[in-house]
Amino acid sequence: MRPLISQAKKGKIQLFFVDASHFVQGGFIGQLWSRTRIFIKSTSGRRRYNILGALNFASKAMTTITNDAYITSEQVMRLIDKLLVEYPNQVMVMDNASYQRCNAVKEYAALHGVQLIYLPTYSPNLNLIERVWKFVKSEVLNAAYISTFDEFCTTIDHCLAELSSSHLDKMNTLVTSNFQLFEIPKKQSFTNLNSSRKLSNVA
């Protein structure tokens, strides 16, 4: 991952972190200190706003495909088309969702010269766009009452549109190449653990 980020910083490639988020209109809990309990109005509906996003690591700009139905391979290919209009030398980092890893998407990307990088299973910490989804919720949705679904969608879209401008300082702090890493346990540790278990069983 870090070699790709290094190339993106030098402008040699356009590196995108791709993922879908499903925002459900309703109450988003916020926290504050108060002497009395404060209640925030919430809508009764459960409409879902689906966003397939591609975060440009260098510029922090977000390109999206949205709907209120489902995200499928068709939306992934539409996202590739949308990015090709503006960006050459694309590298897209994404997880193993079936609609992203299917043959249709792989073949379409190869046809248009787009490189796809699939992350290891159960490693959301490596997909930097996940940090953006959390940012959007905390920035404009937590403890906020939004009366209509159209306003709900517009609020999210407006926040995403300003990632590379009004929110750029926060994005430069949030979307970095610092990943949470885990050390691989040494074999000796497992040996000691098994020995301890055997001694416990004997006792």
N, C-alpha and C. Protein backbone atom coordinates (compact mmCIF):
# COMPACT_ATOMS: atom_id res chain seq x y z
N MET A 1 0.81 -1.20 0.00
CA MET A 1 0.00 0.00 0.00
C MET A 1 0.86 1.27 0.00
N ARG A 2 1.89 1.27 0.83
CA ARG A 2 2.71 2.47 0.95
C ARG A 2 3.44 2.84 -0.35
N PRO A 3 3.94 1.85 -1.15
CA PRO A 3 4.52 2.22 -2.45
C PRO A 3 3.51 2.93 -3.36
N LEU A 4 2.24 2.48 -3.33
CA LEU A 4 1.21 3.13 -4.14
C LEU A 4 0.97 4.56 -3.66
N ILE A 5 0.92 4.73 -2.35
CA ILE A 5 0.71 6.07 -1.80
C ILE A 5 1.86 6.99 -2.17
N SER A 6 3.08 6.45 -2.14
CA SER A 6 4.26 7.23 -2.52
C SER A 6 4.17 7.69 -3.97
N GLN A 7 3.73 6.80 -4.86
CA GLN A 7 3.57 7.16 -6.27
C GLN A 7 2.48 8.20 -6.45
N ALA A 8 1.40 8.08 -5.66
CA ALA A 8 0.30 9.04 -5.75
C ALA A 8 0.75 10.43 -5.32
N LYS A 9 1.56 10.50 -4.28
CA LYS A 9 2.07 11.78 -3.80
C LYS A 9 2.95 12.45 -4.86
N LYS A 10 3.65 11.65 -5.64
CA LYS A 10 4.53 12.18 -6.68
C LYS A 10 3.78 12.46 -7.98
N GLY A 11 2.49 12.12 -8.03
CA GLY A 11 1.69 12.38 -9.21
C GLY A 11 1.85 11.36 -10.32
N LYS A 12 2.49 10.23 -10.02
CA LYS A 12 2.71 9.22 -11.04
C LYS A 12 1.45 8.40 -11.32
N ILE A 13 0.60 8.26 -10.31
CA ILE A 13 -0.67 7.54 -10.47
C ILE A 13 -1.77 8.34 -9.78
N GLN A 14 -3.00 8.03 -10.13
CA GLN A 14 -4.16 8.58 -9.43
C GLN A 14 -4.72 7.45 -8.56
N LEU A 15 -4.49 7.56 -7.26
CA LEU A 15 -4.86 6.50 -6.34
C LEU A 15 -6.20 6.80 -5.68
N PHE A 16 -7.13 5.84 -5.81
CA PHE A 16 -8.47 6.00 -5.24
C PHE A 16 -8.76 4.87 -4.26
N PHE A 17 -9.36 5.25 -3.16
CA PHE A 17 -9.88 4.27 -2.21
C PHE A 17 -11.38 4.23 -2.40
N VAL A 18 -11.88 3.03 -2.71
CA VAL A 18 -13.27 2.87 -3.14
C VAL A 18 -14.05 2.05 -2.12
N ASP A 19 -15.27 2.49 -1.85
CA ASP A 19 -16.14 1.75 -0.93
C ASP A 19 -17.55 2.31 -1.03
N ALA A 20 -18.51 1.51 -0.58
CA ALA A 20 -19.90 1.97 -0.54
C ALA A 20 -20.32 2.18 0.90
N SER A 21 -21.14 3.20 1.11
CA SER A 21 -21.71 3.44 2.43
C SER A 21 -23.22 3.59 2.27
N HIS A 22 -23.94 3.12 3.26
CA HIS A 22 -25.41 3.13 3.19
C HIS A 22 -25.93 3.94 4.37
N PHE A 23 -26.29 5.18 4.10
CA PHE A 23 -26.78 6.08 5.13
C PHE A 23 -28.30 5.93 5.26
N VAL A 24 -28.74 5.55 6.42
CA VAL A 24 -30.18 5.36 6.66
C VAL A 24 -30.71 6.59 7.38
N GLN A 25 -31.72 7.21 6.80
CA GLN A 25 -32.29 8.39 7.42
C GLN A 25 -32.96 8.03 8.74
N GLY A 26 -32.57 8.71 9.77
CA GLY A 26 -33.11 8.42 11.09
C GLY A 26 -32.32 9.18 12.13
N GLY A 27 -32.32 8.70 13.35
CA GLY A 27 -31.60 9.37 14.42
C GLY A 27 -30.15 8.95 14.49
N PHE A 28 -29.24 9.91 14.46
CA PHE A 28 -27.82 9.66 14.64
C PHE A 28 -27.44 10.21 16.01
N ILE A 29 -27.03 9.34 16.89
CA ILE A 29 -26.78 9.72 18.28
C ILE A 29 -25.55 10.61 18.39
N GLY A 30 -25.69 11.68 19.17
CA GLY A 30 -24.57 12.55 19.47
C GLY A 30 -24.39 12.61 20.99
N GLN A 31 -23.26 13.08 21.45
CA GLN A 31 -22.99 13.13 22.89
C GLN A 31 -22.56 14.53 23.31
N LEU A 32 -23.08 14.96 24.45
CA LEU A 32 -22.68 16.22 25.03
C LEU A 32 -22.97 16.19 26.53
N TRP A 33 -22.31 17.10 27.27
CA TRP A 33 -22.55 17.19 28.70
C TRP A 33 -23.73 18.12 28.94
N SER A 34 -24.69 17.65 29.72
CA SER A 34 -25.87 18.46 30.00
C SER A 34 -26.46 18.07 31.35
N ARG A 35 -27.03 19.05 32.06
CA ARG A 35 -27.65 18.76 33.34
C ARG A 35 -28.99 18.04 33.17
N THR A 36 -29.59 18.23 32.01
CA THR A 36 -30.87 17.58 31.73
C THR A 36 -30.77 16.80 30.43
N ARG A 37 -31.61 15.81 30.30
CA ARG A 37 -31.61 15.00 29.08
C ARG A 37 -32.22 15.80 27.93
N ILE A 38 -31.54 15.79 26.80
CA ILE A 38 -32.01 16.52 25.63
C ILE A 38 -32.44 15.53 24.56
N PHE A 39 -33.63 15.73 24.02
CA PHE A 39 -34.14 14.85 22.98
C PHE A 39 -34.08 15.56 21.63
N ILE A 40 -33.61 14.82 20.63
CA ILE A 40 -33.53 15.35 19.28
C ILE A 40 -34.61 14.68 18.44
N LYS A 41 -35.36 15.49 17.70
CA LYS A 41 -36.39 14.93 16.82
C LYS A 41 -35.76 14.01 15.78
N SER A 42 -36.51 13.03 15.36
CA SER A 42 -36.02 12.11 14.33
C SER A 42 -37.17 11.72 13.42
N THR A 43 -36.83 11.40 12.18
CA THR A 43 -37.86 10.97 11.24
C THR A 43 -38.29 9.54 11.54
N SER A 44 -39.47 9.20 11.12
CA SER A 44 -39.99 7.85 11.36
C SER A 44 -39.64 6.88 10.25
N GLY A 45 -39.22 7.39 9.10
CA GLY A 45 -38.92 6.53 7.97
C GLY A 45 -37.57 5.86 8.08
N ARG A 46 -37.30 4.93 7.18
CA ARG A 46 -36.01 4.22 7.18
C ARG A 46 -35.44 4.18 5.76
N ARG A 47 -35.60 5.26 5.00
CA ARG A 47 -35.08 5.27 3.64
C ARG A 47 -33.55 5.30 3.67
N ARG A 48 -32.96 4.63 2.70
CA ARG A 48 -31.52 4.46 2.67
C ARG A 48 -30.91 5.17 1.47
N TYR A 49 -29.85 5.92 1.73
CA TYR A 49 -29.12 6.63 0.69
C TYR A 49 -27.79 5.92 0.48
N ASN A 50 -27.66 5.27 -0.69
CA ASN A 50 -26.46 4.48 -0.99
C ASN A 50 -25.45 5.34 -1.76
N ILE A 51 -24.21 5.31 -1.30
CA ILE A 51 -23.16 6.07 -1.97
C ILE A 51 -21.98 5.15 -2.26
N LEU A 52 -21.64 5.03 -3.52
CA LEU A 52 -20.41 4.36 -3.91
C LEU A 52 -19.40 5.46 -4.19
N GLY A 53 -18.37 5.54 -3.34
CA GLY A 53 -17.44 6.65 -3.46
C GLY A 53 -16.05 6.21 -3.83
N ALA A 54 -15.32 7.13 -4.46
CA ALA A 54 -13.90 6.93 -4.78
C ALA A 54 -13.17 8.15 -4.25
N LEU A 55 -12.35 7.96 -3.23
CA LEU A 55 -11.60 9.05 -2.61
C LEU A 55 -10.22 9.17 -3.23
N ASN A 56 -9.93 10.31 -3.80
CA ASN A 56 -8.61 10.57 -4.37
C ASN A 56 -7.65 10.86 -3.22
N PHE A 57 -6.66 10.00 -3.04
CA PHE A 57 -5.76 10.14 -1.90
C PHE A 57 -5.00 11.47 -1.92
N ALA A 58 -4.56 11.90 -3.09
CA ALA A 58 -3.74 13.10 -3.18
C ALA A 58 -4.54 14.37 -2.96
N SER A 59 -5.66 14.50 -3.64
CA SER A 59 -6.43 15.75 -3.58
C SER A 59 -7.52 15.74 -2.53
N LYS A 60 -7.89 14.55 -2.06
CA LYS A 60 -8.98 14.34 -1.09
C LYS A 60 -10.36 14.63 -1.71
N ALA A 61 -10.42 14.74 -3.03
CA ALA A 61 -11.71 14.92 -3.70
C ALA A 61 -12.45 13.58 -3.76
N MET A 62 -13.76 13.65 -3.66
CA MET A 62 -14.59 12.44 -3.69
C MET A 62 -15.45 12.41 -4.94
N THR A 63 -15.42 11.29 -5.64
CA THR A 63 -16.29 11.06 -6.80
C THR A 63 -17.31 10.00 -6.39
N THR A 64 -18.58 10.24 -6.68
CA THR A 64 -19.62 9.34 -6.19
C THR A 64 -20.62 8.91 -7.25
N ILE A 65 -21.20 7.76 -7.01
CA ILE A 65 -22.40 7.27 -7.70
C ILE A 65 -23.41 6.98 -6.60
N THR A 66 -24.61 7.51 -6.71
CA THR A 66 -25.59 7.39 -5.62
C THR A 66 -26.93 6.86 -6.11
N ASN A 67 -27.66 6.24 -5.19
CA ASN A 67 -29.05 5.84 -5.44
C ASN A 67 -29.72 5.49 -4.12
N ASP A 68 -31.00 5.18 -4.18
CA ASP A 68 -31.72 4.77 -2.97
C ASP A 68 -32.22 3.34 -3.11
N ALA A 69 -31.55 2.56 -3.98
CA ALA A 69 -31.94 1.17 -4.20
C ALA A 69 -30.83 0.23 -3.76
N TYR A 70 -29.93 -0.12 -4.69
CA TYR A 70 -28.84 -1.05 -4.38
C TYR A 70 -27.57 -0.63 -5.10
N ILE A 71 -26.44 -1.05 -4.55
CA ILE A 71 -25.15 -0.89 -5.22
C ILE A 71 -24.80 -2.23 -5.86
N THR A 72 -24.56 -2.23 -7.16
CA THR A 72 -24.24 -3.45 -7.89
C THR A 72 -22.99 -3.21 -8.74
N SER A 73 -22.61 -4.22 -9.50
CA SER A 73 -21.45 -4.08 -10.39
C SER A 73 -21.68 -2.98 -11.43
N GLU A 74 -22.93 -2.74 -11.78
CA GLU A 74 -23.24 -1.69 -12.75
C GLU A 74 -22.80 -0.32 -12.22
N GLN A 75 -23.03 -0.08 -10.93
CA GLN A 75 -22.61 1.20 -10.34
C GLN A 75 -21.09 1.31 -10.29
N VAL A 76 -20.41 0.19 -10.05
CA VAL A 76 -18.95 0.21 -10.03
C VAL A 76 -18.40 0.58 -11.40
N MET A 77 -18.98 0.03 -12.45
CA MET A 77 -18.53 0.35 -13.81
C MET A 77 -18.87 1.78 -14.18
N ARG A 78 -19.99 2.29 -13.69
CA ARG A 78 -20.33 3.70 -13.90
C ARG A 78 -19.34 4.62 -13.19
N LEU A 79 -18.88 4.19 -12.02
CA LEU A 79 -17.89 4.98 -11.29
C LEU A 79 -16.57 5.03 -12.06
N ILE A 80 -16.17 3.89 -12.63
CA ILE A 80 -14.96 3.86 -13.45
C ILE A 80 -15.09 4.83 -14.61
N ASP A 81 -16.23 4.81 -15.29
CA ASP A 81 -16.48 5.73 -16.41
C ASP A 81 -16.36 7.19 -15.97
N LYS A 82 -16.95 7.48 -14.82
CA LYS A 82 -16.95 8.86 -14.32
C LYS A 82 -15.53 9.33 -14.01
N LEU A 83 -14.72 8.45 -13.45
CA LEU A 83 -13.35 8.80 -13.12
C LEU A 83 -12.48 8.96 -14.36
N LEU A 84 -12.74 8.13 -15.38
CA LEU A 84 -11.94 8.18 -16.60
C LEU A 84 -12.05 9.52 -17.32
N VAL A 85 -13.15 10.21 -17.13
CA VAL A 85 -13.33 11.51 -17.78
C VAL A 85 -12.29 12.51 -17.30
N GLU A 86 -11.89 12.38 -16.04
CA GLU A 86 -11.00 13.37 -15.43
C GLU A 86 -9.60 12.85 -15.09
N TYR A 87 -9.50 11.55 -14.78
CA TYR A 87 -8.23 11.05 -14.25
C TYR A 87 -7.63 9.93 -15.11
N PRO A 88 -6.37 10.07 -15.52
CA PRO A 88 -5.65 8.96 -16.18
C PRO A 88 -4.90 8.14 -15.14
N ASN A 89 -4.34 7.03 -15.55
CA ASN A 89 -3.48 6.21 -14.69
C ASN A 89 -4.13 5.88 -13.35
N GLN A 90 -5.32 5.33 -13.42
CA GLN A 90 -6.07 5.05 -12.20
C GLN A 90 -5.63 3.75 -11.53
N VAL A 91 -5.56 3.81 -10.20
CA VAL A 91 -5.41 2.61 -9.38
C VAL A 91 -6.51 2.69 -8.32
N MET A 92 -7.35 1.67 -8.28
CA MET A 92 -8.49 1.67 -7.35
C MET A 92 -8.30 0.59 -6.29
N VAL A 93 -8.30 1.02 -5.04
CA VAL A 93 -8.17 0.10 -3.91
C VAL A 93 -9.56 -0.15 -3.35
N MET A 94 -9.94 -1.42 -3.23
CA MET A 94 -11.30 -1.73 -2.77
C MET A 94 -11.32 -3.05 -2.00
N ASP A 95 -12.42 -3.27 -1.30
CA ASP A 95 -12.54 -4.51 -0.55
C ASP A 95 -13.08 -5.63 -1.44
N ASN A 96 -13.45 -6.74 -0.82
CA ASN A 96 -13.84 -7.92 -1.59
C ASN A 96 -15.34 -8.11 -1.74
N ALA A 97 -16.08 -7.03 -1.70
CA ALA A 97 -17.52 -7.12 -1.94
C ALA A 97 -17.76 -7.76 -3.31
N SER A 98 -18.75 -8.63 -3.38
CA SER A 98 -18.97 -9.41 -4.61
C SER A 98 -19.22 -8.53 -5.82
N TYR A 99 -19.89 -7.39 -5.64
CA TYR A 99 -20.18 -6.53 -6.79
C TYR A 99 -18.94 -5.77 -7.27
N GLN A 100 -17.85 -5.82 -6.48
CA GLN A 100 -16.61 -5.18 -6.90
C GLN A 100 -15.59 -6.18 -7.43
N ARG A 101 -15.66 -7.41 -6.94
CA ARG A 101 -14.66 -8.41 -7.32
C ARG A 101 -15.15 -9.33 -8.44
N CYS A 102 -16.33 -9.12 -8.94
CA CYS A 102 -16.88 -9.99 -9.98
C CYS A 102 -16.10 -9.84 -11.29
N ASN A 103 -16.25 -10.83 -12.16
CA ASN A 103 -15.53 -10.83 -13.44
C ASN A 103 -15.91 -9.65 -14.31
N ALA A 104 -17.18 -9.23 -14.24
CA ALA A 104 -17.64 -8.12 -15.08
C ALA A 104 -16.85 -6.85 -14.78
N VAL A 105 -16.64 -6.57 -13.50
CA VAL A 105 -15.89 -5.38 -13.10
C VAL A 105 -14.41 -5.52 -13.45
N LYS A 106 -13.84 -6.71 -13.20
CA LYS A 106 -12.42 -6.93 -13.51
C LYS A 106 -12.15 -6.74 -15.00
N GLU A 107 -13.02 -7.32 -15.83
CA GLU A 107 -12.83 -7.23 -17.27
C GLU A 107 -13.02 -5.80 -17.77
N TYR A 108 -14.00 -5.10 -17.19
CA TYR A 108 -14.27 -3.72 -17.60
C TYR A 108 -13.09 -2.81 -17.23
N ALA A 109 -12.55 -3.03 -16.03
CA ALA A 109 -11.40 -2.23 -15.59
C ALA A 109 -10.18 -2.50 -16.47
N ALA A 110 -9.93 -3.77 -16.78
CA ALA A 110 -8.79 -4.13 -17.63
C ALA A 110 -8.94 -3.53 -19.03
N LEU A 111 -10.15 -3.51 -19.54
CA LEU A 111 -10.42 -2.97 -20.86
C LEU A 111 -10.07 -1.48 -20.93
N HIS A 112 -10.26 -0.78 -19.81
CA HIS A 112 -10.02 0.66 -19.78
C HIS A 112 -8.70 1.03 -19.09
N GLY A 113 -7.86 0.04 -18.84
CA GLY A 113 -6.55 0.32 -18.28
C GLY A 113 -6.55 0.76 -16.83
N VAL A 114 -7.55 0.34 -16.08
CA VAL A 114 -7.66 0.69 -14.66
C VAL A 114 -7.17 -0.48 -13.82
N GLN A 115 -6.24 -0.22 -12.93
CA GLN A 115 -5.69 -1.26 -12.07
C GLN A 115 -6.53 -1.38 -10.80
N LEU A 116 -6.94 -2.59 -10.47
CA LEU A 116 -7.73 -2.85 -9.27
C LEU A 116 -6.86 -3.55 -8.23
N ILE A 117 -6.86 -3.03 -7.02
CA ILE A 117 -6.14 -3.64 -5.90
C ILE A 117 -7.18 -4.05 -4.86
N TYR A 118 -7.24 -5.37 -4.59
CA TYR A 118 -8.21 -5.86 -3.60
C TYR A 118 -7.52 -6.07 -2.26
N LEU A 119 -8.13 -5.54 -1.22
CA LEU A 119 -7.56 -5.63 0.11
C LEU A 119 -7.75 -7.02 0.70
N PRO A 120 -6.93 -7.41 1.66
CA PRO A 120 -7.14 -8.69 2.34
C PRO A 120 -8.48 -8.68 3.06
N THR A 121 -9.01 -9.86 3.28
CA THR A 121 -10.28 -9.98 3.99
C THR A 121 -10.16 -9.45 5.41
N TYR A 122 -11.24 -8.84 5.88
CA TYR A 122 -11.31 -8.31 7.25
C TYR A 122 -10.19 -7.31 7.55
N SER A 123 -10.02 -6.35 6.65
CA SER A 123 -9.01 -5.32 6.88
C SER A 123 -9.55 -3.93 6.51
N PRO A 124 -10.66 -3.53 7.10
CA PRO A 124 -11.24 -2.22 6.78
C PRO A 124 -10.31 -1.06 7.13
N ASN A 125 -9.36 -1.29 8.06
CA ASN A 125 -8.43 -0.22 8.44
C ASN A 125 -7.52 0.19 7.28
N LEU A 126 -7.39 -0.67 6.27
CA LEU A 126 -6.55 -0.35 5.12
C LEU A 126 -7.27 0.47 4.06
N ASN A 127 -8.58 0.56 4.17
CA ASN A 127 -9.35 1.35 3.19
C ASN A 127 -9.62 2.72 3.79
N LEU A 128 -8.85 3.71 3.35
CA LEU A 128 -8.89 5.03 3.97
C LEU A 128 -10.23 5.75 3.82
N ILE A 129 -11.03 5.33 2.87
CA ILE A 129 -12.33 5.99 2.69
C ILE A 129 -13.26 5.71 3.87
N GLU A 130 -12.99 4.63 4.60
CA GLU A 130 -13.80 4.32 5.79
C GLU A 130 -13.73 5.47 6.79
N ARG A 131 -12.60 6.14 6.86
CA ARG A 131 -12.44 7.28 7.77
C ARG A 131 -13.34 8.44 7.35
N VAL A 132 -13.55 8.55 6.05
CA VAL A 132 -14.40 9.64 5.54
C VAL A 132 -15.86 9.41 5.90
N TRP A 133 -16.32 8.17 5.79
CA TRP A 133 -17.71 7.89 6.15
C TRP A 133 -17.98 8.25 7.61
N LYS A 134 -17.04 7.93 8.49
CA LYS A 134 -17.19 8.29 9.91
C LYS A 134 -17.17 9.80 10.09
N PHE A 135 -16.34 10.47 9.31
CA PHE A 135 -16.26 11.93 9.39
C PHE A 135 -17.59 12.56 8.99
N VAL A 136 -18.21 12.08 7.93
CA VAL A 136 -19.47 12.65 7.46
C VAL A 136 -20.54 12.53 8.55
N LYS A 137 -20.61 11.36 9.17
CA LYS A 137 -21.61 11.17 10.22
C LYS A 137 -21.39 12.13 11.38
N SER A 138 -20.15 12.27 11.81
CA SER A 138 -19.88 13.15 12.95
C SER A 138 -20.02 14.63 12.58
N GLU A 139 -19.74 14.97 11.33
CA GLU A 139 -19.75 16.36 10.90
C GLU A 139 -21.15 16.92 10.67
N VAL A 140 -22.02 16.14 10.03
CA VAL A 140 -23.31 16.71 9.63
C VAL A 140 -24.54 15.89 10.04
N LEU A 141 -24.35 14.69 10.58
CA LEU A 141 -25.51 13.86 10.88
C LEU A 141 -25.76 13.63 12.37
N ASN A 142 -24.71 13.53 13.15
CA ASN A 142 -24.88 13.24 14.58
C ASN A 142 -25.71 14.33 15.28
N ALA A 143 -26.74 13.89 15.99
CA ALA A 143 -27.60 14.79 16.76
C ALA A 143 -28.25 15.87 15.90
N ALA A 144 -28.47 15.57 14.63
CA ALA A 144 -29.09 16.54 13.73
C ALA A 144 -30.46 16.04 13.28
N TYR A 145 -31.42 16.93 13.25
CA TYR A 145 -32.75 16.57 12.75
C TYR A 145 -32.87 17.05 11.31
N ILE A 146 -33.08 16.10 10.40
CA ILE A 146 -33.26 16.42 8.98
C ILE A 146 -34.63 15.89 8.58
N SER A 147 -35.51 16.78 8.22
CA SER A 147 -36.93 16.43 8.09
C SER A 147 -37.29 15.60 6.86
N THR A 148 -36.62 15.84 5.73
CA THR A 148 -36.99 15.14 4.50
C THR A 148 -35.83 14.32 3.96
N PHE A 149 -36.15 13.33 3.15
CA PHE A 149 -35.11 12.48 2.58
C PHE A 149 -34.26 13.26 1.59
N ASP A 150 -34.88 14.15 0.81
CA ASP A 150 -34.12 14.96 -0.14
C ASP A 150 -33.10 15.84 0.58
N GLU A 151 -33.51 16.43 1.70
CA GLU A 151 -32.60 17.25 2.47
C GLU A 151 -31.48 16.40 3.08
N PHE A 152 -31.84 15.18 3.49
CA PHE A 152 -30.87 14.24 4.04
C PHE A 152 -29.77 13.95 3.02
N CYS A 153 -30.17 13.64 1.79
CA CYS A 153 -29.22 13.34 0.72
C CYS A 153 -28.37 14.55 0.38
N THR A 154 -29.01 15.72 0.30
CA THR A 154 -28.30 16.95 -0.04
C THR A 154 -27.26 17.31 1.01
N THR A 155 -27.59 17.09 2.28
CA THR A 155 -26.66 17.38 3.38
C THR A 155 -25.40 16.54 3.26
N ILE A 156 -25.57 15.26 2.97
CA ILE A 156 -24.42 14.37 2.82
C ILE A 156 -23.61 14.74 1.58
N ASP A 157 -24.30 14.98 0.47
CA ASP A 157 -23.62 15.33 -0.78
C ASP A 157 -22.79 16.61 -0.61
N HIS A 158 -23.35 17.57 0.09
CA HIS A 158 -22.67 18.86 0.29
C HIS A 158 -21.39 18.66 1.11
N CYS A 159 -21.46 17.82 2.12
CA CYS A 159 -20.28 17.55 2.94
C CYS A 159 -19.20 16.87 2.11
N LEU A 160 -19.58 15.89 1.30
CA LEU A 160 -18.61 15.18 0.47
C LEU A 160 -18.00 16.09 -0.58
N ALA A 161 -18.80 17.01 -1.11
CA ALA A 161 -18.31 17.92 -2.15
C ALA A 161 -17.27 18.88 -1.60
N GLU A 162 -17.27 19.11 -0.29
CA GLU A 162 -16.35 20.08 0.31
C GLU A 162 -15.14 19.43 0.97
N LEU A 163 -14.95 18.12 0.76
CA LEU A 163 -13.81 17.45 1.38
C LEU A 163 -12.49 18.06 0.95
N SER A 164 -12.38 18.43 -0.32
CA SER A 164 -11.11 18.94 -0.85
C SER A 164 -11.02 20.46 -0.78
N SER A 165 -12.00 21.11 -0.12
CA SER A 165 -11.96 22.56 0.00
C SER A 165 -12.15 22.97 1.46
N SER A 166 -13.38 23.12 1.89
CA SER A 166 -13.65 23.58 3.26
C SER A 166 -13.13 22.62 4.32
N HIS A 167 -13.16 21.31 4.01
CA HIS A 167 -12.73 20.30 4.99
C HIS A 167 -11.31 19.78 4.73
N LEU A 168 -10.56 20.45 3.88
CA LEU A 168 -9.27 19.92 3.45
C LEU A 168 -8.30 19.74 4.62
N ASP A 169 -8.25 20.70 5.53
CA ASP A 169 -7.33 20.58 6.68
C ASP A 169 -7.65 19.33 7.50
N LYS A 170 -8.92 19.08 7.72
CA LYS A 170 -9.32 17.90 8.49
C LYS A 170 -9.00 16.63 7.72
N MET A 171 -9.19 16.66 6.40
CA MET A 171 -8.91 15.48 5.58
C MET A 171 -7.41 15.17 5.56
N ASN A 172 -6.58 16.21 5.50
CA ASN A 172 -5.13 15.98 5.49
C ASN A 172 -4.66 15.36 6.80
N THR A 173 -5.38 15.65 7.87
CA THR A 173 -5.05 15.04 9.16
C THR A 173 -5.62 13.64 9.28
N LEU A 174 -6.81 13.45 8.72
CA LEU A 174 -7.52 12.18 8.87
C LEU A 174 -7.07 11.13 7.86
N VAL A 175 -6.95 11.52 6.61
CA VAL A 175 -6.61 10.56 5.54
C VAL A 175 -5.11 10.63 5.29
N THR A 176 -4.38 9.82 6.02
CA THR A 176 -2.92 9.78 5.90
C THR A 176 -2.49 8.34 5.62
N SER A 177 -1.19 8.16 5.50
CA SER A 177 -0.66 6.82 5.25
C SER A 177 -0.35 6.08 6.54
N ASN A 178 -0.85 6.58 7.66
CA ASN A 178 -0.65 5.91 8.95
C ASN A 178 -1.72 4.85 9.14
N PHE A 179 -1.33 3.61 9.09
CA PHE A 179 -2.27 2.50 9.23
C PHE A 179 -2.08 1.84 10.58
N GLN A 180 -3.15 1.25 11.07
CA GLN A 180 -3.05 0.46 12.30
C GLN A 180 -2.49 -0.90 11.93
N LEU A 181 -1.31 -1.20 12.44
CA LEU A 181 -0.62 -2.44 12.11
C LEU A 181 -0.57 -3.36 13.32
N PHE A 182 -0.52 -4.66 13.05
CA PHE A 182 -0.48 -5.65 14.12
C PHE A 182 0.72 -6.55 13.90
N GLU A 183 1.49 -6.74 14.95
CA GLU A 183 2.66 -7.62 14.86
C GLU A 183 2.22 -9.08 14.80
N ILE A 184 2.91 -9.85 13.97
CA ILE A 184 2.62 -11.28 13.87
C ILE A 184 3.26 -11.99 15.05
N PRO A 185 2.49 -12.72 15.83
CA PRO A 185 3.07 -13.41 17.01
C PRO A 185 4.16 -14.38 16.57
N LYS A 186 5.21 -14.47 17.37
CA LYS A 186 6.28 -15.40 17.07
C LYS A 186 5.84 -16.83 17.39
N LYS A 187 6.44 -17.79 16.67
CA LYS A 187 6.08 -19.19 16.89
C LYS A 187 6.37 -19.61 18.33
N GLN A 188 7.42 -19.01 18.90
CA GLN A 188 7.78 -19.35 20.26
C GLN A 188 6.65 -19.05 21.23
N SER A 189 5.90 -17.99 20.92
CA SER A 189 4.79 -17.61 21.79
C SER A 189 3.73 -18.70 21.82
N PHE A 190 3.44 -19.28 20.64
CA PHE A 190 2.46 -20.36 20.58
C PHE A 190 2.99 -21.60 21.29
N THR A 191 4.29 -21.85 21.18
CA THR A 191 4.88 -23.01 21.85
C THR A 191 4.75 -22.88 23.36
N ASN A 192 5.07 -21.69 23.87
CA ASN A 192 4.96 -21.46 25.30
C ASN A 192 3.52 -21.59 25.76
N LEU A 193 2.58 -21.09 24.91
CA LEU A 193 1.17 -21.17 25.26
C LEU A 193 0.71 -22.61 25.33
N ASN A 194 1.11 -23.42 24.35
CA ASN A 194 0.72 -24.83 24.34
C ASN A 194 1.33 -25.56 25.52
N SER A 195 2.58 -25.21 25.87
CA SER A 195 3.23 -25.84 27.02
C SER A 195 2.49 -25.52 28.30
N SER A 196 2.07 -24.28 28.43
CA SER A 196 1.33 -23.85 29.61
C SER A 196 0.01 -24.60 29.73
N ARG A 197 -0.64 -24.81 28.59
CA ARG A 197 -1.91 -25.52 28.59
C ARG A 197 -1.71 -26.98 29.02
N LYS A 198 -0.62 -27.60 28.54
CA LYS A 198 -0.36 -28.99 28.89
C LYS A 198 -0.08 -29.13 30.38
N LEU A 199 0.69 -28.17 30.92
CA LEU A 199 0.98 -28.21 32.35
C LEU A 199 -0.28 -28.03 33.17
N SER A 200 -1.17 -27.16 32.69
CA SER A 200 -2.43 -26.92 33.39
C SER A 200 -3.29 -28.17 33.39
N ASN A 201 -3.29 -28.87 32.25
CA ASN A 201 -4.08 -30.10 32.15
C ASN A 201 -3.54 -31.18 33.08
N VAL A 202 -2.19 -31.26 33.16
CA VAL A 202 -1.59 -32.27 34.04
C VAL A 202 -1.91 -31.98 35.50
N ALA A 203 -1.82 -30.68 35.86
CA ALA A 203 -2.12 -30.29 37.22
C ALA A 203 -3.57 -30.61 37.57
